[in-house]
N, C-alpha and C. Protein backbone atom coordinates (compact mmCIF):
# COMPACT_ATOMS: atom_id res chain seq x y z
N UNK A 1 32.61 -109.05 -57.42
CA UNK A 1 32.90 -108.59 -56.42
C UNK A 1 31.28 -108.42 -55.07
N UNK A 2 31.21 -108.51 -54.54
CA UNK A 2 30.15 -108.70 -53.23
C UNK A 2 29.45 -107.08 -52.88
N UNK A 3 28.47 -106.46 -52.91
CA UNK A 3 27.88 -105.30 -52.92
C UNK A 3 27.80 -105.03 -51.57
N UNK A 4 28.28 -103.83 -50.40
CA UNK A 4 27.42 -103.44 -48.86
C UNK A 4 26.44 -102.73 -49.37
N UNK A 5 25.33 -102.95 -48.99
CA UNK A 5 23.92 -101.95 -49.35
C UNK A 5 24.33 -100.50 -48.44
N UNK A 6 23.75 -99.35 -48.66
CA UNK A 6 24.32 -97.94 -48.34
C UNK A 6 23.68 -98.78 -46.47
N UNK A 7 22.80 -98.56 -46.96
CA UNK A 7 21.85 -99.27 -45.60
C UNK A 7 22.86 -99.78 -44.45
N UNK A 8 22.90 -100.56 -44.99
CA UNK A 8 23.89 -101.26 -44.11
C UNK A 8 25.23 -101.00 -43.36
N UNK A 9 25.45 -100.28 -44.99
CA UNK A 9 26.55 -99.17 -44.11
C UNK A 9 25.74 -97.97 -42.72
N UNK A 10 25.10 -98.12 -43.43
CA UNK A 10 24.62 -97.40 -42.69
C UNK A 10 24.63 -96.99 -41.03
N UNK A 11 24.69 -97.93 -40.95
CA UNK A 11 23.75 -98.92 -39.90
C UNK A 11 25.33 -99.35 -38.90
N UNK A 12 25.97 -100.21 -39.86
CA UNK A 12 27.18 -100.85 -39.12
C UNK A 12 28.36 -99.42 -38.85
N UNK A 13 28.48 -98.35 -39.49
CA UNK A 13 29.22 -96.95 -39.80
C UNK A 13 29.70 -96.64 -37.98
N UNK A 14 28.37 -96.51 -36.89
CA UNK A 14 28.79 -96.10 -35.67
C UNK A 14 29.09 -96.92 -34.90
N UNK A 15 29.05 -98.16 -35.10
CA UNK A 15 29.86 -99.36 -34.11
C UNK A 15 31.75 -99.31 -34.90
N UNK A 16 32.16 -98.41 -35.94
CA UNK A 16 33.29 -98.82 -36.30
C UNK A 16 33.63 -97.06 -36.07
N UNK A 17 34.71 -97.21 -34.82
CA UNK A 17 35.50 -96.03 -34.63
C UNK A 17 36.85 -95.87 -35.34
N UNK A 18 37.08 -96.96 -36.40
CA UNK A 18 38.41 -96.82 -37.43
C UNK A 18 38.24 -96.52 -38.54
N UNK A 19 36.64 -96.68 -38.58
CA UNK A 19 37.01 -96.75 -40.50
C UNK A 19 36.09 -95.54 -40.41
N UNK A 20 37.08 -95.03 -41.45
CA UNK A 20 37.26 -93.50 -42.87
C UNK A 20 35.53 -93.31 -43.41
N UNK A 21 36.20 -91.97 -44.08
CA UNK A 21 33.99 -91.78 -44.40
C UNK A 21 34.12 -92.26 -45.72
N UNK A 22 34.95 -93.90 -46.24
CA UNK A 22 34.74 -94.13 -47.62
C UNK A 22 33.57 -95.30 -47.63
N UNK A 23 33.14 -95.65 -48.41
CA UNK A 23 32.33 -97.43 -48.26
C UNK A 23 33.15 -98.13 -47.67
N UNK A 24 32.48 -98.77 -47.18
CA UNK A 24 33.40 -100.53 -46.89
C UNK A 24 33.30 -101.22 -48.33
N UNK A 25 34.35 -101.98 -47.66
CA UNK A 25 34.39 -102.98 -48.30
C UNK A 25 34.36 -104.37 -47.92
N UNK A 26 34.10 -105.31 -49.01
CA UNK A 26 33.69 -106.68 -48.46
C UNK A 26 34.91 -106.87 -47.11
N UNK A 27 36.29 -107.04 -47.41
CA UNK A 27 37.11 -107.04 -47.14
C UNK A 27 37.42 -106.20 -45.78
N UNK A 28 36.47 -105.59 -45.28
CA UNK A 28 37.29 -104.70 -44.26
C UNK A 28 37.32 -105.16 -42.89
N UNK A 29 37.65 -105.84 -42.58
CA UNK A 29 38.00 -106.31 -41.75
C UNK A 29 37.23 -105.40 -40.00
N UNK A 30 36.31 -106.76 -39.11
CA UNK A 30 35.57 -105.40 -38.67
C UNK A 30 36.58 -104.87 -37.31
N UNK A 31 37.04 -106.14 -36.57
CA UNK A 31 38.07 -106.27 -35.66
C UNK A 31 38.56 -104.65 -35.04
N UNK A 32 39.36 -104.17 -36.90
CA UNK A 32 40.87 -103.56 -37.64
C UNK A 32 40.05 -102.46 -37.46
N UNK A 33 38.54 -101.90 -37.51
CA UNK A 33 38.30 -100.99 -38.29
C UNK A 33 37.45 -100.93 -36.43
N UNK A 34 37.28 -101.47 -35.27
CA UNK A 34 37.42 -101.08 -34.09
C UNK A 34 36.09 -101.64 -33.38
N UNK A 35 35.48 -102.86 -33.76
CA UNK A 35 33.93 -103.66 -33.36
C UNK A 35 35.18 -104.12 -31.86
N UNK A 36 34.62 -104.25 -31.29
CA UNK A 36 34.86 -105.14 -30.40
C UNK A 36 33.70 -105.64 -29.81
N UNK A 37 34.14 -106.43 -28.16
CA UNK A 37 32.62 -107.72 -28.47
C UNK A 37 31.93 -106.54 -27.93
N UNK A 38 31.53 -105.53 -26.86
CA UNK A 38 30.61 -104.70 -26.18
C UNK A 38 30.08 -104.03 -28.16
N UNK A 39 30.53 -103.75 -28.11
CA UNK A 39 30.17 -103.57 -29.92
C UNK A 39 28.86 -104.09 -30.83
N UNK A 40 29.90 -105.94 -30.73
CA UNK A 40 29.11 -106.48 -31.40
C UNK A 40 27.54 -106.63 -30.50
N UNK A 41 27.07 -106.81 -29.50
CA UNK A 41 26.34 -106.43 -29.15
C UNK A 41 25.43 -105.27 -29.14
N UNK A 42 25.38 -104.09 -29.23
CA UNK A 42 24.97 -103.53 -29.55
C UNK A 42 24.23 -102.95 -30.95
N UNK A 43 25.69 -103.74 -32.23
CA UNK A 43 25.41 -104.01 -33.98
C UNK A 43 24.09 -104.28 -33.47
N UNK A 44 23.48 -106.24 -33.21
CA UNK A 44 23.31 -107.00 -33.64
C UNK A 44 21.55 -106.09 -33.42
N UNK A 45 21.89 -105.81 -31.99
CA UNK A 45 20.26 -105.12 -31.82
C UNK A 45 20.01 -103.64 -32.83
N UNK A 46 21.06 -103.02 -32.79
CA UNK A 46 21.13 -102.02 -34.50
C UNK A 46 20.44 -102.76 -35.77
N UNK A 47 20.94 -104.14 -36.37
CA UNK A 47 20.62 -104.73 -36.91
C UNK A 47 19.16 -105.22 -37.01
N UNK A 48 18.85 -105.28 -35.89
CA UNK A 48 17.67 -106.25 -36.66
C UNK A 48 16.91 -105.50 -35.78
N UNK A 49 16.92 -104.18 -35.32
CA UNK A 49 15.62 -103.14 -35.16
C UNK A 49 15.68 -102.26 -36.71
N UNK A 50 16.95 -101.92 -37.24
CA UNK A 50 16.62 -101.37 -38.73
C UNK A 50 16.71 -101.97 -40.11
N UNK A 51 16.28 -104.18 -39.79
CA UNK A 51 15.33 -104.34 -40.55
C UNK A 51 14.78 -105.47 -39.95
N UNK A 52 14.46 -105.34 -39.02
CA UNK A 52 12.81 -105.44 -38.45
C UNK A 52 13.25 -107.63 -38.35
N UNK A 53 14.67 -107.87 -37.84
CA UNK A 53 14.40 -109.50 -38.31
C UNK A 53 15.01 -109.47 -36.57
N UNK A 54 14.65 -111.01 -36.14
CA UNK A 54 15.46 -111.51 -35.63
C UNK A 54 16.40 -112.52 -36.64
N UNK A 55 18.39 -112.37 -35.55
CA UNK A 55 18.76 -113.13 -36.09
C UNK A 55 19.09 -114.17 -35.44
N UNK A 56 19.15 -115.37 -35.68
CA UNK A 56 19.33 -117.08 -35.35
C UNK A 56 20.85 -117.23 -34.57
N UNK A 57 20.54 -117.32 -33.19
CA UNK A 57 22.16 -117.64 -32.38
C UNK A 57 23.27 -118.72 -33.10
N UNK A 58 22.48 -119.49 -33.99
CA UNK A 58 23.54 -120.07 -35.10
C UNK A 58 24.15 -119.28 -36.03
N UNK A 59 24.06 -118.17 -36.15
CA UNK A 59 24.37 -117.51 -37.16
C UNK A 59 25.56 -116.25 -36.15
N UNK A 60 25.65 -116.58 -35.25
CA UNK A 60 26.38 -115.43 -34.10
C UNK A 60 27.60 -115.92 -33.84
N UNK A 61 28.75 -116.22 -34.97
CA UNK A 61 30.07 -116.55 -34.48
C UNK A 61 31.03 -115.20 -34.72
N UNK A 62 32.63 -116.31 -34.19
CA UNK A 62 33.40 -114.85 -34.93
C UNK A 62 33.44 -114.84 -36.63
N UNK A 63 32.90 -116.00 -37.17
CA UNK A 63 33.69 -116.54 -38.31
C UNK A 63 32.65 -115.60 -39.58
N UNK A 64 31.06 -115.04 -38.82
CA UNK A 64 30.40 -113.95 -39.04
C UNK A 64 30.94 -112.22 -38.83
N UNK A 65 31.18 -112.61 -38.13
CA UNK A 65 31.86 -110.92 -37.04
C UNK A 65 33.09 -110.83 -37.56
N UNK A 66 34.36 -111.32 -38.85
CA UNK A 66 35.32 -111.16 -39.26
C UNK A 66 36.05 -110.19 -39.89
N UNK A 67 34.97 -109.98 -41.23
CA UNK A 67 34.89 -108.97 -41.79
C UNK A 67 33.51 -108.53 -42.60
N UNK A 68 33.05 -106.84 -43.12
CA UNK A 68 31.97 -106.04 -43.18
C UNK A 68 31.22 -107.52 -44.59
N UNK A 69 32.18 -107.99 -45.33
CA UNK A 69 31.08 -109.09 -46.21
C UNK A 69 30.50 -110.19 -45.67
N UNK A 70 31.20 -110.77 -44.49
CA UNK A 70 30.46 -111.86 -44.19
C UNK A 70 29.25 -111.85 -42.67
N UNK A 71 29.55 -110.42 -42.84
CA UNK A 71 28.26 -110.13 -41.70
C UNK A 71 26.72 -109.59 -42.56
N UNK A 72 27.47 -109.12 -43.53
CA UNK A 72 26.14 -108.74 -44.82
C UNK A 72 26.00 -110.16 -45.20
N UNK A 73 26.83 -111.02 -45.82
CA UNK A 73 26.79 -112.26 -46.48
C UNK A 73 25.68 -113.10 -45.01
N UNK A 74 25.79 -113.09 -43.87
CA UNK A 74 25.20 -113.92 -42.85
C UNK A 74 23.41 -113.45 -42.85
N UNK A 75 23.23 -111.54 -42.50
CA UNK A 75 21.91 -110.85 -43.23
C UNK A 75 21.85 -111.42 -43.70
N UNK A 76 22.09 -110.84 -44.76
CA UNK A 76 20.91 -110.88 -46.18
C UNK A 76 20.14 -112.00 -46.71
N UNK A 77 20.57 -113.52 -45.94
CA UNK A 77 19.68 -114.08 -46.14
C UNK A 77 18.04 -113.78 -45.33
N UNK A 78 17.86 -113.61 -43.97
CA UNK A 78 17.61 -113.29 -43.39
C UNK A 78 16.53 -112.66 -43.59
N UNK A 79 16.81 -111.25 -44.51
CA UNK A 79 15.61 -110.09 -44.56
C UNK A 79 15.27 -110.27 -46.08
N UNK A 80 16.10 -110.96 -46.65
CA UNK A 80 14.92 -111.20 -48.63
C UNK A 80 14.06 -111.83 -48.12
């Protein structure tokens, strides 16, 4: 199973109002945890600032923002 790093969870958590206090699973659906279109914009800013990266536009689609795991996998290749 895909491990979701603590630092990423820390950045993600404020944008997910319906998330409980436990660790995120890769299968957790972002929309179900409360991420909406306005939240996506702020989350992107926080991710880019937190990891000092500029994410390419071609990864910013519905599939990327489907689950915690899909978002982490899209980000992971840009911060390694």
